[in-house]
Protein backbone atom coordinates (compact mmCIF):
# COMPACT_ATOMS: atom_id res chain seq x y z
CA UNK A 1 4.56 57.08 44.95
CA UNK A 2 2.52 56.07 41.93
CA UNK A 3 1.27 58.56 39.37
CA UNK A 4 -1.41 56.20 38.06
CA UNK A 5 -4.98 57.06 38.91
CA UNK A 6 -7.50 54.34 39.41
CA UNK A 7 -10.87 54.80 37.83
CA UNK A 8 -14.01 53.01 38.77
CA UNK A 9 -16.59 51.51 36.50
CA UNK A 10 -20.30 52.15 36.79
CA UNK A 11 -20.68 49.00 38.87
CA UNK A 12 -18.17 50.24 41.46
CA UNK A 13 -15.30 47.99 40.33
CA UNK A 14 -11.95 49.14 39.04
CA UNK A 15 -11.09 49.14 35.34
CA UNK A 16 -7.86 49.63 33.44
CA UNK A 17 -6.97 52.94 31.84
CA UNK A 18 -8.36 53.02 28.32
CA UNK A 19 -10.86 50.24 28.97
CA UNK A 20 -14.38 50.90 27.72
CA UNK A 21 -16.96 51.59 30.43
CA UNK A 22 -19.43 48.81 31.15
CA UNK A 23 -22.67 48.59 29.21
CA UNK A 24 -25.44 50.43 31.10
CA UNK A 25 -28.43 48.26 31.95
CA UNK A 26 -32.08 49.15 32.27
CA UNK A 27 -35.11 47.24 33.51
CA UNK A 28 -36.64 45.14 30.72
CA UNK A 29 -40.28 44.08 30.33
CA UNK A 30 -40.96 40.87 32.18
CA UNK A 31 -42.04 37.77 30.30
CA UNK A 32 -42.04 34.04 30.80
CA UNK A 33 -38.60 32.92 32.06
CA UNK A 34 -36.74 30.43 29.82
CA UNK A 35 -36.31 26.86 31.00
CA UNK A 36 -33.05 25.54 32.48
CA UNK A 37 -30.33 27.16 34.56
CA UNK A 38 -28.71 30.39 33.25
CA UNK A 39 -25.31 29.80 31.71
CA UNK A 40 -23.85 33.31 31.50
CA UNK A 41 -23.93 36.47 33.58
CA UNK A 42 -25.81 38.22 30.78
CA UNK A 43 -28.42 35.49 30.75
CA UNK A 44 -28.77 35.74 34.53
CA UNK A 45 -29.25 39.51 34.24
CA UNK A 46 -31.83 39.06 31.47
CA UNK A 47 -33.76 36.57 33.60
CA UNK A 48 -33.68 38.99 36.51
CA UNK A 49 -35.34 41.61 34.28
CA UNK A 50 -32.31 43.61 33.20
CA UNK A 51 -31.32 44.21 29.57
CA UNK A 52 -28.65 46.30 27.83
CA UNK A 53 -29.66 49.90 27.26
CA UNK A 54 -30.01 50.90 23.60
CA UNK A 55 -26.80 52.32 22.14
CA UNK A 56 -26.09 54.81 19.41
CA UNK A 57 -24.91 53.47 16.09
CA UNK A 58 -21.14 52.86 15.70
CA UNK A 59 -18.94 55.70 14.46
CA UNK A 60 -18.30 53.98 11.10
CA UNK A 61 -21.99 53.90 10.25
CA UNK A 62 -23.12 56.97 8.26
CA UNK A 63 -25.95 59.07 9.69
CA UNK A 64 -29.47 58.35 8.42
CA UNK A 65 -30.07 59.63 4.93
CA UNK A 66 -26.40 59.49 3.92
CA UNK A 67 -24.83 56.77 1.81
CA UNK A 68 -21.39 55.24 1.89
CA UNK A 69 -19.07 56.33 -0.96
CA UNK A 70 -19.47 54.30 -4.12
CA UNK A 71 -16.90 52.08 -5.75
CA UNK A 72 -15.54 54.95 -7.90
CA UNK A 73 -12.40 55.25 -5.76
CA UNK A 74 -11.42 51.58 -6.14
CA UNK A 75 -8.47 52.40 -8.40
CA UNK A 76 -7.10 54.99 -5.99
CA UNK A 77 -7.29 52.55 -3.09
CA UNK A 78 -5.62 49.83 -5.16
CA UNK A 79 -2.83 52.23 -6.10
CA UNK A 80 -2.34 53.28 -2.46
CA UNK A 81 -2.28 49.63 -1.40
CA UNK A 82 0.43 48.86 -3.99
CA UNK A 83 2.52 51.89 -2.96
CA UNK A 84 2.25 50.89 0.72
CA UNK A 85 3.29 47.31 -0.11
CA UNK A 86 6.33 48.47 -2.13
CA UNK A 87 7.47 50.95 0.54
CA UNK A 88 7.08 48.36 3.29
CA UNK A 89 9.09 45.84 1.29
CA UNK A 90 11.86 48.36 0.64
CA UNK A 91 12.00 49.31 4.32
CA UNK A 92 12.30 45.63 5.27
CA UNK A 93 15.12 45.06 2.78
CA UNK A 94 16.94 48.17 4.03
CA UNK A 95 16.67 46.94 7.61
CA UNK A 96 18.08 43.53 6.69
CA UNK A 97 20.93 45.18 4.75
CA UNK A 98 21.79 47.38 7.76
CA UNK A 99 21.85 44.39 10.10
CA UNK A 100 24.20 42.48 7.76
CA UNK A 101 26.43 45.56 7.35
CA UNK A 102 26.61 46.01 11.14
CA UNK A 103 27.52 42.34 11.60
CA UNK A 104 30.32 42.67 9.03
CA UNK A 105 31.65 45.81 10.75
CA UNK A 106 31.77 44.02 14.11
CA UNK A 107 33.54 41.02 12.57
CA UNK A 108 36.09 43.34 10.93
CA UNK A 109 36.71 45.07 14.28
CA UNK A 110 37.19 41.68 15.97
CA UNK A 111 39.79 40.67 13.38
CA UNK A 112 41.55 44.06 13.46
CA UNK A 113 41.74 44.31 17.26
CA UNK A 114 41.75 40.72 18.56
CA UNK A 115 43.17 41.67 21.97
CA UNK A 116 40.17 43.90 22.74
CA UNK A 117 37.65 41.14 22.13
CA UNK A 118 39.33 38.10 23.72
CA UNK A 119 38.29 37.24 27.29
CA UNK A 120 41.05 37.78 29.85
CA UNK A 121 43.15 39.68 27.32
């Protein structure tokens, strides 16, 4: 018995968990159709009189009337970037050292107890 729940998109099809819902469409004003066959589904929809509905601005865009922070915090960001780089490098070196140390411990155990590690022994 599965615990996954299927969700349906606005068009009636199924979509994966976490997938964004489809773009809602609305009827667009009709004009002269472009020449040639449509090449994409979006172009076919546009020729049929459908267009994407207007969307709100993305979350990273500040509301109207507000400005993005200035460049005054450039030094702080540079310092944080350097600290993150150094800590990541140290963590990588520590991981490599632990892998080498574990390999040496296994090799020492193989030499100390050869009968435990030989096949058929």
